[in-house]
N, C-alpha and C. Protein backbone atom coordinates (compact mmCIF):
# COMPACT_ATOMS: atom_id res chain seq x y z
N ILE A 1 -14.99 -9.77 -18.06
CA ILE A 1 -16.39 -9.58 -17.74
C ILE A 1 -17.19 -10.51 -18.64
N ARG A 2 -18.13 -11.21 -18.05
CA ARG A 2 -18.98 -12.14 -18.80
C ARG A 2 -20.42 -11.94 -18.31
N ASN A 3 -21.38 -12.18 -19.20
CA ASN A 3 -22.77 -12.14 -18.79
C ASN A 3 -23.05 -13.37 -17.93
N ALA A 4 -23.59 -13.17 -16.74
CA ALA A 4 -23.76 -14.27 -15.78
C ALA A 4 -24.99 -15.13 -16.04
N ILE A 5 -25.91 -14.66 -16.88
CA ILE A 5 -27.16 -15.40 -17.06
C ILE A 5 -27.30 -15.98 -18.46
N GLY A 6 -26.20 -16.04 -19.22
CA GLY A 6 -26.24 -16.64 -20.54
C GLY A 6 -26.94 -15.80 -21.59
N GLN A 7 -26.96 -14.49 -21.40
CA GLN A 7 -27.60 -13.58 -22.35
C GLN A 7 -26.52 -12.79 -23.10
N TRP A 8 -26.94 -11.81 -23.87
CA TRP A 8 -26.02 -10.92 -24.55
C TRP A 8 -25.20 -10.15 -23.50
N LEU A 9 -23.91 -10.00 -23.74
CA LEU A 9 -23.07 -9.18 -22.87
C LEU A 9 -23.13 -7.74 -23.37
N GLN A 10 -23.51 -6.84 -22.47
CA GLN A 10 -23.59 -5.41 -22.79
C GLN A 10 -23.07 -4.62 -21.60
N VAL A 11 -22.10 -3.75 -21.88
CA VAL A 11 -21.48 -2.95 -20.82
C VAL A 11 -21.38 -1.52 -21.33
N SER A 12 -22.02 -0.60 -20.61
CA SER A 12 -21.93 0.81 -21.00
C SER A 12 -20.61 1.42 -20.55
N GLU A 13 -20.17 1.07 -19.35
CA GLU A 13 -18.89 1.59 -18.85
C GLU A 13 -18.40 0.71 -17.72
N PHE A 14 -17.09 0.56 -17.65
CA PHE A 14 -16.46 -0.15 -16.53
C PHE A 14 -15.39 0.76 -15.97
N GLU A 15 -15.37 0.90 -14.65
CA GLU A 15 -14.38 1.74 -13.97
C GLU A 15 -13.63 0.89 -12.95
N ALA A 16 -12.32 1.01 -12.93
CA ALA A 16 -11.47 0.36 -11.92
C ALA A 16 -10.78 1.48 -11.16
N ILE A 17 -11.12 1.61 -9.89
CA ILE A 17 -10.66 2.75 -9.08
C ILE A 17 -9.47 2.32 -8.22
N ASN A 18 -8.35 3.05 -8.35
CA ASN A 18 -7.16 2.71 -7.56
C ASN A 18 -7.15 3.47 -6.24
N THR A 19 -6.08 3.32 -5.47
CA THR A 19 -5.99 3.93 -4.14
C THR A 19 -5.93 5.46 -4.18
N LEU A 20 -5.64 6.01 -5.35
CA LEU A 20 -5.62 7.47 -5.51
C LEU A 20 -6.95 7.99 -6.07
N ALA A 21 -7.97 7.14 -6.12
CA ALA A 21 -9.30 7.46 -6.63
C ALA A 21 -9.28 7.79 -8.12
N VAL A 22 -8.37 7.15 -8.87
CA VAL A 22 -8.27 7.34 -10.31
C VAL A 22 -8.86 6.11 -11.00
N ASN A 23 -9.66 6.35 -12.03
CA ASN A 23 -10.20 5.27 -12.85
C ASN A 23 -9.11 4.82 -13.82
N VAL A 24 -8.39 3.76 -13.47
CA VAL A 24 -7.26 3.30 -14.28
C VAL A 24 -7.68 2.41 -15.44
N ALA A 25 -8.97 2.06 -15.53
CA ALA A 25 -9.45 1.31 -16.69
C ALA A 25 -9.71 2.23 -17.88
N LEU A 26 -9.87 3.49 -17.62
CA LEU A 26 -10.18 4.48 -18.65
C LEU A 26 -9.14 4.45 -19.77
N ASP A 27 -9.59 4.49 -21.02
CA ASP A 27 -8.63 4.47 -22.12
C ASP A 27 -7.69 5.67 -22.07
N ALA A 28 -8.15 6.81 -21.58
CA ALA A 28 -7.29 7.98 -21.45
C ALA A 28 -6.18 7.76 -20.42
N ASN A 29 -6.35 6.76 -19.53
CA ASN A 29 -5.33 6.42 -18.54
C ASN A 29 -4.56 5.15 -18.93
N GLY A 30 -4.67 4.75 -20.19
CA GLY A 30 -3.90 3.61 -20.69
C GLY A 30 -4.61 2.28 -20.71
N GLY A 31 -5.86 2.23 -20.27
CA GLY A 31 -6.60 0.98 -20.31
C GLY A 31 -6.95 0.60 -21.75
N THR A 32 -7.05 -0.70 -22.00
CA THR A 32 -7.48 -1.18 -23.31
C THR A 32 -8.60 -2.21 -23.09
N ALA A 33 -9.44 -2.35 -24.10
CA ALA A 33 -10.54 -3.31 -24.03
C ALA A 33 -10.57 -4.13 -25.30
N SER A 34 -10.88 -5.43 -25.14
CA SER A 34 -10.98 -6.30 -26.31
C SER A 34 -12.09 -7.32 -26.08
N ALA A 35 -12.61 -7.84 -27.19
CA ALA A 35 -13.66 -8.86 -27.16
C ALA A 35 -13.61 -9.61 -28.48
N PRO A 36 -14.12 -10.85 -28.50
CA PRO A 36 -14.10 -11.63 -29.74
C PRO A 36 -14.88 -10.98 -30.89
N ASP A 37 -15.95 -10.28 -30.55
CA ASP A 37 -16.76 -9.61 -31.58
C ASP A 37 -17.60 -8.53 -30.91
N SER A 38 -18.21 -7.70 -31.72
CA SER A 38 -19.10 -6.68 -31.19
C SER A 38 -20.21 -6.39 -32.20
N TRP A 39 -21.32 -5.92 -31.67
CA TRP A 39 -22.47 -5.58 -32.48
C TRP A 39 -22.11 -4.38 -33.38
N PRO A 40 -22.62 -4.32 -34.62
CA PRO A 40 -22.33 -3.17 -35.48
C PRO A 40 -22.68 -1.85 -34.79
N GLY A 41 -21.76 -0.92 -34.84
CA GLY A 41 -21.94 0.38 -34.18
C GLY A 41 -21.42 0.39 -32.76
N SER A 42 -21.03 -0.77 -32.26
CA SER A 42 -20.50 -0.91 -30.91
C SER A 42 -19.02 -1.28 -31.02
N ALA A 43 -18.30 -1.15 -29.92
CA ALA A 43 -16.89 -1.54 -29.89
C ALA A 43 -16.48 -1.74 -28.44
N PRO A 44 -15.52 -2.64 -28.17
CA PRO A 44 -15.07 -2.85 -26.79
C PRO A 44 -14.61 -1.57 -26.11
N GLY A 45 -13.92 -0.70 -26.84
CA GLY A 45 -13.41 0.54 -26.26
C GLY A 45 -14.47 1.48 -25.73
N LYS A 46 -15.72 1.31 -26.17
CA LYS A 46 -16.79 2.17 -25.66
C LYS A 46 -17.09 1.87 -24.19
N ALA A 47 -16.62 0.72 -23.68
CA ALA A 47 -16.85 0.39 -22.27
C ALA A 47 -15.84 1.06 -21.34
N ILE A 48 -14.83 1.72 -21.91
CA ILE A 48 -13.82 2.40 -21.08
C ILE A 48 -13.51 3.80 -21.61
N ASP A 49 -14.47 4.42 -22.30
CA ASP A 49 -14.23 5.73 -22.90
C ASP A 49 -14.59 6.90 -21.98
N GLY A 50 -15.11 6.61 -20.79
CA GLY A 50 -15.44 7.67 -19.85
C GLY A 50 -16.85 8.21 -20.01
N SER A 51 -17.59 7.76 -21.01
CA SER A 51 -18.95 8.22 -21.22
C SER A 51 -19.90 7.40 -20.35
N LEU A 52 -20.70 8.08 -19.57
CA LEU A 52 -21.67 7.37 -18.73
C LEU A 52 -23.05 7.35 -19.37
N LEU A 53 -23.10 7.55 -20.69
CA LEU A 53 -24.35 7.37 -21.42
C LEU A 53 -24.61 5.88 -21.48
N THR A 54 -25.75 5.44 -21.01
CA THR A 54 -26.00 4.00 -20.85
C THR A 54 -26.97 3.45 -21.89
N SER A 55 -26.95 4.01 -23.08
CA SER A 55 -27.82 3.51 -24.14
C SER A 55 -26.99 3.19 -25.38
N PHE A 56 -27.52 2.31 -26.23
CA PHE A 56 -26.85 1.97 -27.48
C PHE A 56 -26.89 3.18 -28.40
N PRO A 57 -25.82 3.50 -29.10
CA PRO A 57 -24.58 2.79 -29.34
C PRO A 57 -23.42 3.25 -28.47
N ASN A 58 -23.68 3.87 -27.34
CA ASN A 58 -22.63 4.41 -26.47
C ASN A 58 -22.06 3.35 -25.54
N MET A 59 -21.90 2.13 -26.02
CA MET A 59 -21.57 1.01 -25.14
C MET A 59 -20.92 -0.12 -25.93
N PHE A 60 -20.44 -1.11 -25.19
CA PHE A 60 -20.01 -2.36 -25.82
C PHE A 60 -21.19 -3.32 -25.80
N HIS A 61 -21.42 -3.99 -26.91
CA HIS A 61 -22.46 -5.01 -27.02
C HIS A 61 -21.86 -6.15 -27.83
N GLU A 62 -21.88 -7.37 -27.29
CA GLU A 62 -21.29 -8.49 -28.02
C GLU A 62 -22.02 -8.71 -29.34
N GLY A 63 -21.30 -9.30 -30.31
CA GLY A 63 -21.85 -9.43 -31.65
C GLY A 63 -22.66 -10.68 -31.91
N ALA A 64 -22.36 -11.77 -31.25
CA ALA A 64 -23.08 -13.02 -31.48
C ALA A 64 -23.80 -13.42 -30.20
N PRO A 65 -25.06 -13.83 -30.30
CA PRO A 65 -25.82 -14.12 -29.08
C PRO A 65 -25.41 -15.42 -28.41
N PHE A 66 -25.50 -15.42 -27.10
CA PHE A 66 -25.41 -16.62 -26.29
C PHE A 66 -24.12 -17.42 -26.51
N THR A 67 -23.01 -16.72 -26.72
CA THR A 67 -21.73 -17.39 -26.96
C THR A 67 -20.80 -17.29 -25.76
N ASN A 68 -21.29 -16.76 -24.66
CA ASN A 68 -20.48 -16.58 -23.45
C ASN A 68 -19.21 -15.78 -23.73
N ASP A 69 -19.35 -14.77 -24.60
CA ASP A 69 -18.21 -13.89 -24.89
C ASP A 69 -17.76 -13.18 -23.63
N THR A 70 -16.53 -12.73 -23.67
CA THR A 70 -15.99 -11.94 -22.58
C THR A 70 -15.51 -10.60 -23.10
N LEU A 71 -15.58 -9.62 -22.25
CA LEU A 71 -14.97 -8.32 -22.48
C LEU A 71 -13.76 -8.28 -21.57
N THR A 72 -12.58 -8.13 -22.17
CA THR A 72 -11.34 -8.10 -21.39
C THR A 72 -10.82 -6.68 -21.34
N ILE A 73 -10.62 -6.19 -20.14
CA ILE A 73 -10.07 -4.85 -19.94
C ILE A 73 -8.69 -5.03 -19.31
N THR A 74 -7.70 -4.44 -19.94
CA THR A 74 -6.32 -4.57 -19.49
C THR A 74 -5.82 -3.20 -19.04
N LEU A 75 -5.29 -3.15 -17.83
CA LEU A 75 -4.75 -1.90 -17.30
C LEU A 75 -3.33 -1.70 -17.82
N SER A 76 -2.87 -0.46 -17.86
CA SER A 76 -1.54 -0.17 -18.41
C SER A 76 -0.41 -0.63 -17.49
N SER A 77 -0.70 -0.82 -16.20
CA SER A 77 0.32 -1.28 -15.25
C SER A 77 -0.38 -1.92 -14.05
N ALA A 78 0.40 -2.61 -13.24
CA ALA A 78 -0.15 -3.21 -12.02
C ALA A 78 -0.67 -2.09 -11.12
N GLN A 79 -1.82 -2.30 -10.53
CA GLN A 79 -2.47 -1.28 -9.71
C GLN A 79 -3.05 -1.91 -8.46
N GLU A 80 -3.07 -1.18 -7.37
CA GLU A 80 -3.81 -1.57 -6.17
C GLU A 80 -5.19 -0.93 -6.32
N LEU A 81 -6.19 -1.75 -6.55
CA LEU A 81 -7.55 -1.25 -6.75
C LEU A 81 -8.34 -1.32 -5.45
N THR A 82 -9.21 -0.34 -5.26
CA THR A 82 -10.07 -0.32 -4.08
C THR A 82 -11.50 -0.71 -4.41
N SER A 83 -11.94 -0.39 -5.64
CA SER A 83 -13.32 -0.67 -6.01
C SER A 83 -13.46 -0.66 -7.53
N PHE A 84 -14.64 -1.05 -7.97
CA PHE A 84 -14.96 -0.98 -9.39
C PHE A 84 -16.44 -0.68 -9.54
N ASN A 85 -16.79 -0.12 -10.70
CA ASN A 85 -18.17 0.17 -11.04
C ASN A 85 -18.43 -0.39 -12.43
N ILE A 86 -19.60 -0.94 -12.64
CA ILE A 86 -20.00 -1.40 -13.96
C ILE A 86 -21.39 -0.85 -14.24
N TYR A 87 -21.55 -0.34 -15.45
CA TYR A 87 -22.81 0.27 -15.86
C TYR A 87 -23.44 -0.58 -16.95
N GLY A 88 -24.71 -0.88 -16.79
CA GLY A 88 -25.45 -1.64 -17.77
C GLY A 88 -26.15 -0.74 -18.77
N ARG A 89 -27.16 -1.29 -19.38
CA ARG A 89 -27.87 -0.61 -20.47
C ARG A 89 -29.20 -0.05 -19.98
N SER A 90 -29.54 1.16 -20.41
CA SER A 90 -30.77 1.80 -19.92
C SER A 90 -31.88 1.87 -20.96
N ASP A 91 -31.58 1.75 -22.26
CA ASP A 91 -32.62 1.97 -23.27
C ASP A 91 -33.40 0.72 -23.62
N CYS A 92 -32.89 -0.45 -23.29
CA CYS A 92 -33.65 -1.70 -23.46
C CYS A 92 -32.86 -2.82 -22.81
N CYS A 93 -33.54 -3.91 -22.57
CA CYS A 93 -32.87 -5.17 -22.23
C CYS A 93 -32.01 -5.12 -20.97
N SER A 94 -32.30 -4.23 -20.06
CA SER A 94 -31.45 -4.09 -18.87
C SER A 94 -31.53 -5.32 -17.95
N GLU A 95 -32.51 -6.20 -18.18
CA GLU A 95 -32.57 -7.43 -17.38
C GLU A 95 -31.35 -8.32 -17.64
N ARG A 96 -30.61 -8.05 -18.70
CA ARG A 96 -29.40 -8.81 -19.03
C ARG A 96 -28.18 -8.38 -18.20
N ASP A 97 -28.27 -7.28 -17.53
CA ASP A 97 -27.09 -6.67 -16.90
C ASP A 97 -26.72 -7.33 -15.57
N VAL A 98 -26.37 -8.59 -15.67
CA VAL A 98 -25.88 -9.38 -14.54
C VAL A 98 -24.54 -9.96 -14.98
N TYR A 99 -23.51 -9.73 -14.18
CA TYR A 99 -22.15 -9.98 -14.63
C TYR A 99 -21.37 -10.92 -13.72
N ASP A 100 -20.47 -11.68 -14.33
CA ASP A 100 -19.39 -12.38 -13.63
C ASP A 100 -18.13 -11.60 -13.98
N ILE A 101 -17.40 -11.17 -12.97
CA ILE A 101 -16.21 -10.35 -13.20
C ILE A 101 -15.03 -11.03 -12.52
N THR A 102 -13.96 -11.22 -13.27
CA THR A 102 -12.75 -11.86 -12.76
C THR A 102 -11.58 -10.92 -12.93
N PHE A 103 -10.84 -10.70 -11.85
CA PHE A 103 -9.61 -9.91 -11.90
C PHE A 103 -8.44 -10.88 -11.94
N ARG A 104 -7.53 -10.68 -12.89
CA ARG A 104 -6.37 -11.56 -13.05
C ARG A 104 -5.09 -10.75 -13.01
N ASP A 105 -3.99 -11.42 -12.65
CA ASP A 105 -2.69 -10.78 -12.70
C ASP A 105 -2.11 -10.94 -14.11
N ALA A 106 -0.90 -10.43 -14.34
CA ALA A 106 -0.29 -10.46 -15.66
C ALA A 106 -0.07 -11.88 -16.16
N ALA A 107 0.08 -12.84 -15.26
CA ALA A 107 0.29 -14.24 -15.65
C ALA A 107 -1.04 -14.98 -15.90
N GLY A 108 -2.16 -14.32 -15.64
CA GLY A 108 -3.46 -14.93 -15.86
C GLY A 108 -4.06 -15.60 -14.64
N SER A 109 -3.36 -15.56 -13.51
CA SER A 109 -3.89 -16.17 -12.29
C SER A 109 -5.03 -15.31 -11.73
N VAL A 110 -6.05 -15.97 -11.20
CA VAL A 110 -7.20 -15.26 -10.64
C VAL A 110 -6.81 -14.62 -9.31
N LEU A 111 -7.05 -13.31 -9.22
CA LEU A 111 -6.81 -12.57 -7.98
C LEU A 111 -8.09 -12.41 -7.18
N TYR A 112 -9.19 -12.19 -7.88
CA TYR A 112 -10.47 -11.92 -7.22
C TYR A 112 -11.58 -12.13 -8.25
N PHE A 113 -12.72 -12.58 -7.80
CA PHE A 113 -13.86 -12.70 -8.72
C PHE A 113 -15.15 -12.43 -7.97
N VAL A 114 -16.13 -12.02 -8.73
CA VAL A 114 -17.48 -11.83 -8.20
C VAL A 114 -18.44 -12.41 -9.23
N ASP A 115 -19.37 -13.20 -8.77
CA ASP A 115 -20.36 -13.83 -9.64
C ASP A 115 -21.73 -13.20 -9.43
N ASN A 116 -22.49 -13.13 -10.50
CA ASN A 116 -23.88 -12.67 -10.45
C ASN A 116 -24.03 -11.27 -9.89
N LEU A 117 -23.14 -10.37 -10.27
CA LEU A 117 -23.25 -8.98 -9.85
C LEU A 117 -24.30 -8.29 -10.71
N SER A 118 -25.33 -7.79 -10.09
CA SER A 118 -26.47 -7.24 -10.83
C SER A 118 -26.44 -5.72 -10.91
N ALA A 119 -26.58 -5.23 -12.14
CA ALA A 119 -26.77 -3.80 -12.39
C ALA A 119 -28.21 -3.57 -12.86
N VAL A 120 -29.08 -4.53 -12.54
CA VAL A 120 -30.50 -4.42 -12.89
C VAL A 120 -31.17 -3.61 -11.78
N ASN A 121 -31.09 -2.30 -11.93
CA ASN A 121 -31.67 -1.39 -10.95
C ASN A 121 -31.93 -0.05 -11.63
N ALA A 122 -32.48 0.89 -10.92
CA ALA A 122 -32.84 2.18 -11.51
C ALA A 122 -31.63 2.95 -12.03
N ARG A 123 -30.47 2.72 -11.45
CA ARG A 123 -29.25 3.44 -11.87
C ARG A 123 -28.47 2.69 -12.94
N HIS A 124 -28.84 1.44 -13.23
CA HIS A 124 -28.14 0.61 -14.22
C HIS A 124 -26.66 0.50 -13.87
N MET A 125 -26.38 0.34 -12.59
CA MET A 125 -25.01 0.35 -12.11
C MET A 125 -24.84 -0.61 -10.95
N ALA A 126 -23.64 -1.20 -10.88
CA ALA A 126 -23.27 -2.01 -9.72
C ALA A 126 -21.87 -1.61 -9.31
N THR A 127 -21.63 -1.65 -8.01
CA THR A 127 -20.33 -1.28 -7.45
C THR A 127 -19.83 -2.45 -6.63
N GLY A 128 -18.53 -2.64 -6.67
CA GLY A 128 -17.91 -3.67 -5.86
C GLY A 128 -16.68 -3.14 -5.16
N ALA A 129 -16.54 -3.47 -3.88
CA ALA A 129 -15.34 -3.11 -3.13
C ALA A 129 -14.37 -4.28 -3.23
N LEU A 130 -13.10 -3.98 -3.42
CA LEU A 130 -12.08 -5.02 -3.53
C LEU A 130 -11.34 -5.14 -2.21
N PRO A 131 -10.89 -6.34 -1.88
CA PRO A 131 -10.17 -6.52 -0.60
C PRO A 131 -8.83 -5.79 -0.62
N ASP A 132 -8.42 -5.32 0.55
CA ASP A 132 -7.12 -4.66 0.70
C ASP A 132 -6.04 -5.74 0.62
N THR A 133 -5.16 -5.60 -0.34
CA THR A 133 -4.10 -6.60 -0.52
C THR A 133 -2.74 -6.06 -0.15
N ALA A 134 -2.69 -4.93 0.54
CA ALA A 134 -1.40 -4.40 0.97
C ALA A 134 -0.71 -5.42 1.87
N GLN A 135 0.56 -5.61 1.63
CA GLN A 135 1.33 -6.60 2.38
C GLN A 135 1.58 -6.10 3.81
N VAL A 136 1.14 -6.87 4.77
CA VAL A 136 1.36 -6.57 6.19
C VAL A 136 2.22 -7.70 6.76
N PRO A 137 3.37 -7.38 7.35
CA PRO A 137 4.22 -8.44 7.89
C PRO A 137 3.50 -9.24 8.97
N GLU A 138 3.72 -10.53 8.97
CA GLU A 138 3.14 -11.39 9.99
C GLU A 138 3.93 -11.23 11.28
N PRO A 139 3.30 -11.43 12.45
CA PRO A 139 4.00 -11.28 13.72
C PRO A 139 5.24 -12.18 13.83
N ALA A 140 5.17 -13.39 13.31
CA ALA A 140 6.33 -14.29 13.40
C ALA A 140 7.50 -13.74 12.61
N SER A 141 7.22 -13.16 11.45
CA SER A 141 8.29 -12.57 10.64
C SER A 141 8.93 -11.39 11.37
N MET A 142 8.10 -10.57 11.99
CA MET A 142 8.62 -9.42 12.74
C MET A 142 9.46 -9.90 13.92
N ALA A 143 9.06 -10.98 14.58
CA ALA A 143 9.83 -11.51 15.71
C ALA A 143 11.20 -12.00 15.23
N LEU A 144 11.24 -12.66 14.07
CA LEU A 144 12.52 -13.12 13.52
C LEU A 144 13.44 -11.95 13.19
N VAL A 145 12.88 -10.90 12.62
CA VAL A 145 13.69 -9.70 12.32
C VAL A 145 14.23 -9.12 13.62
N GLY A 146 13.39 -9.04 14.65
CA GLY A 146 13.82 -8.50 15.95
C GLY A 146 14.92 -9.34 16.56
N LEU A 147 14.78 -10.67 16.52
CA LEU A 147 15.83 -11.55 17.06
C LEU A 147 17.13 -11.39 16.28
N GLY A 148 17.02 -11.23 14.98
CA GLY A 148 18.23 -11.02 14.16
C GLY A 148 18.94 -9.74 14.54
N LEU A 149 18.18 -8.69 14.75
CA LEU A 149 18.78 -7.41 15.15
C LEU A 149 19.43 -7.51 16.53
N LEU A 150 18.77 -8.22 17.46
CA LEU A 150 19.36 -8.42 18.78
C LEU A 150 20.66 -9.21 18.69
N GLY A 151 20.67 -10.23 17.82
CA GLY A 151 21.88 -11.01 17.63
C GLY A 151 23.02 -10.17 17.07
N LEU A 152 22.70 -9.31 16.11
CA LEU A 152 23.73 -8.43 15.54
C LEU A 152 24.26 -7.46 16.59
N ALA A 153 23.35 -6.93 17.42
CA ALA A 153 23.78 -6.00 18.48
C ALA A 153 24.66 -6.72 19.47
N ALA A 154 24.31 -7.95 19.85
CA ALA A 154 25.12 -8.72 20.83
C ALA A 154 26.48 -9.02 20.24
N ARG A 155 26.53 -9.39 18.99
CA ARG A 155 27.82 -9.70 18.35
C ARG A 155 28.70 -8.46 18.29
N ARG A 156 28.11 -7.32 17.95
CA ARG A 156 28.88 -6.08 17.86
C ARG A 156 29.43 -5.73 19.23
N ARG A 157 28.63 -5.93 20.27
CA ARG A 157 29.07 -5.62 21.63
C ARG A 157 30.22 -6.54 22.04
N LYS A 158 30.14 -7.81 21.66
CA LYS A 158 31.17 -8.77 22.00
C LYS A 158 32.49 -8.43 21.30
N ILE A 159 32.42 -8.00 20.02
CA ILE A 159 33.62 -7.63 19.27
C ILE A 159 34.23 -6.37 19.85
N ALA A 160 33.42 -5.43 20.28
CA ALA A 160 33.92 -4.17 20.83
C ALA A 160 34.59 -4.38 22.19
N ALA A 161 34.24 -5.43 22.92
CA ALA A 161 34.77 -5.66 24.25
C ALA A 161 36.15 -6.20 24.27
């Protein structure tokens, strides 16, 4: 997660929702959070502690201004996610709550990203739906499997005769 407008990065809470409607980013579910630095009284883990209090110090706030810091949230295992929620700050400076969010696999390859996601609203929250990545066989692959099965059946019939 990065601030999209070159301001301080501040995140009150981040939720990653899997297909079972579980927030797998939550530290209680094995999620971890890290950042290069944080403001005194703040910590990366406050962005995944389950608290929806959206004011300082109940949040992550980067420590050095305008450094394009990132907040990295790591899940405990590979997950099929359906959506995510990000909560900004409510007690001041909420105009900063515009985010670039990148989802990566274990090797660091980009799976999905969203730019300029704004939580600058009365709820100090933004939600994003993630694309369904369930593997669906292509018709050509299914046709090849069917032809293979027909070939096996024909061979078995020929041997039995």
